[in-house]
Protein backbone atom coordinates (compact mmCIF):
# COMPACT_ATOMS: atom_id res chain seq x y z
CA MET A 1 0.00 0.00 0.00
CA ASP A 2 1.28 3.46 -0.86
CA ARG A 3 0.83 5.17 2.48
CA ARG A 4 1.45 8.62 1.01
CA PHE A 5 -1.81 8.56 -0.96
CA LEU A 6 -3.76 7.16 1.96
CA LEU A 7 -2.51 10.04 4.12
CA LEU A 8 -3.00 12.67 1.39
CA GLY A 9 -6.46 11.33 0.61
CA ALA A 10 -7.55 11.26 4.24
CA LEU A 11 -6.18 14.76 4.86
CA SER A 12 -7.84 16.07 1.72
CA ALA A 13 -11.18 14.46 2.64
CA PHE A 14 -10.94 16.03 6.10
CA ALA A 15 -10.25 19.42 4.52
CA ALA A 16 -13.15 18.97 2.06
CA VAL A 17 -15.58 18.26 4.90
CA ALA A 18 -14.22 21.23 6.85
CA ALA A 19 -14.52 23.48 3.78
CA GLY A 20 -18.08 22.30 3.20
CA ALA A 21 -19.04 23.01 6.79
CA PHE A 22 -17.28 26.38 6.72
CA GLY A 23 -19.10 27.26 3.53
CA ALA A 24 -22.48 26.17 4.84
CA HIS A 25 -22.20 27.90 8.20
CA ALA A 26 -19.77 30.80 7.95
CA LEU A 27 -19.96 31.84 4.32
CA ARG A 28 -23.64 31.40 3.47
CA GLU A 29 -24.42 35.02 4.45
CA GLN A 30 -21.10 36.41 3.18
CA LEU A 31 -21.03 35.16 -0.41
CA THR A 32 -23.38 35.71 -3.31
CA PRO A 33 -25.25 32.60 -4.43
CA ASP A 34 -22.96 32.36 -7.48
CA MET A 35 -19.79 32.51 -5.38
CA MET A 36 -21.30 30.05 -2.89
CA ALA A 37 -21.83 27.63 -5.77
CA VAL A 38 -18.19 28.12 -6.84
CA PHE A 39 -17.00 27.36 -3.29
CA GLU A 40 -19.23 24.26 -3.07
CA THR A 41 -17.90 23.00 -6.43
CA GLY A 42 -14.37 23.23 -5.03
CA ALA A 43 -15.33 21.23 -1.94
CA ARG A 44 -17.22 18.62 -3.97
CA TYR A 45 -14.35 17.99 -6.40
CA GLN A 46 -11.88 17.94 -3.53
CA MET A 47 -13.86 15.14 -1.89
CA TYR A 48 -14.16 13.15 -5.12
CA HIS A 49 -10.42 13.24 -5.62
CA ALA A 50 -9.62 12.64 -1.96
CA LEU A 51 -11.49 9.35 -2.32
CA ALA A 52 -9.63 8.71 -5.57
CA MET A 53 -6.31 9.13 -3.73
CA VAL A 54 -7.43 6.58 -1.14
CA ALA A 55 -8.33 4.23 -4.01
CA VAL A 56 -4.89 4.80 -5.54
CA SER A 57 -3.36 3.80 -2.21
CA ALA A 58 -5.40 0.59 -2.18
CA LEU A 59 -4.61 -0.17 -5.83
CA SER A 60 -0.90 0.13 -5.15
CA ILE A 61 -1.17 -3.16 -3.23
CA ARG A 62 -2.00 -4.93 -6.51
CA ALA A 63 0.72 -3.28 -8.55
CA SER A 64 3.60 -0.94 -8.01
CA GLU A 65 2.72 0.65 -11.30
CA ARG A 66 4.19 4.07 -12.07
CA LEU A 67 0.91 5.01 -13.73
CA ILE A 68 -0.97 4.45 -10.46
CA SER A 69 1.47 6.68 -8.61
CA ALA A 70 1.24 9.31 -11.34
CA ALA A 71 -2.55 9.24 -11.00
CA GLY A 72 -2.28 9.89 -7.28
CA TRP A 73 0.07 12.83 -7.75
CA LEU A 74 -2.10 14.26 -10.52
CA PHE A 75 -5.17 14.01 -8.26
CA ALA A 76 -3.26 15.85 -5.51
CA LEU A 77 -2.07 18.54 -7.94
CA GLY A 78 -5.54 18.84 -9.44
CA THR A 79 -7.04 19.32 -5.98
CA LEU A 80 -4.58 22.06 -5.16
CA LEU A 81 -5.10 23.91 -8.44
CA PHE A 82 -8.78 23.22 -9.18
CA SER A 83 -10.32 23.34 -5.73
CA GLY A 84 -7.77 25.82 -4.41
CA SER A 85 -8.42 28.29 -7.22
CA LEU A 86 -12.19 27.99 -6.75
CA TYR A 87 -11.84 28.62 -3.01
CA MET A 88 -9.65 31.66 -3.68
CA LEU A 89 -12.03 32.98 -6.35
CA ALA A 90 -15.03 32.66 -4.04
CA LEU A 91 -13.26 34.13 -1.00
CA THR A 92 -11.43 36.99 -2.67
CA GLY A 93 -13.51 37.78 -5.75
CA ILE A 94 -10.26 38.06 -7.73
CA THR A 95 -11.33 36.74 -11.10
CA TRP A 96 -7.92 35.71 -12.43
CA TRP A 97 -8.05 32.73 -10.05
CA GLY A 98 -10.58 31.32 -12.52
CA ALA A 99 -7.75 30.98 -15.06
CA VAL A 100 -6.01 28.45 -12.79
CA THR A 101 -9.05 26.20 -12.47
CA PRO A 102 -8.80 24.54 -15.92
CA VAL A 103 -5.17 23.60 -15.23
CA GLY A 104 -6.36 21.70 -12.17
CA GLY A 105 -9.15 20.15 -14.22
CA PHE A 106 -6.59 18.99 -16.76
CA ALA A 107 -4.56 17.39 -13.93
CA PHE A 108 -7.71 15.55 -12.79
CA LEU A 109 -8.34 14.29 -16.32
CA ALA A 110 -4.71 13.21 -16.75
CA GLY A 111 -4.92 11.36 -13.43
CA TRP A 112 -8.00 9.46 -14.54
CA LEU A 113 -6.30 8.59 -17.85
CA CYS A 114 -3.26 7.27 -15.95
CA LEU A 115 -5.54 5.14 -13.81
CA LEU A 116 -7.30 3.86 -16.92
CA ALA A 117 -3.99 2.96 -18.56
CA ALA A 118 -2.82 1.23 -15.37
CA GLY A 119 -6.03 -0.79 -15.34
CA PHE A 120 -5.14 -2.29 -18.69
CA ARG A 121 -1.72 -3.30 -17.38
CA ILE A 122 -2.78 -4.96 -14.12
CA LYS A 123 -3.32 -8.69 -14.43
CA PRO A 124 -6.79 -9.80 -13.35
CA ILE A 125 -7.18 -11.91 -10.22
CA THR A 126 -7.91 -15.50 -11.19
């Protein structure tokens, strides 16, 4: 098991839950509905990819595949750039943060493609 991705995934899931709670309780009255939706999108995608990092950790038991590790790092990078830029956009209103978001989205997509490619290389359990 790749402990790094278990730890990163668990920490990221914790942060996603905390961000969701912070958004729901502390920001609801502070942000416009549009910016609240932006913040919630960041938290939602952070949680999805936190769980993906935990899955990457579990998959690393089956194979020490470089593609699986690459997927984990791309999910972590995507979380930082995608969710982080959405949080910053919602909290600061500085619109150029929106230009960072697609880079994070691309990292997510690349991570999923790495995981797909690794799936074709892992031998099935018989």
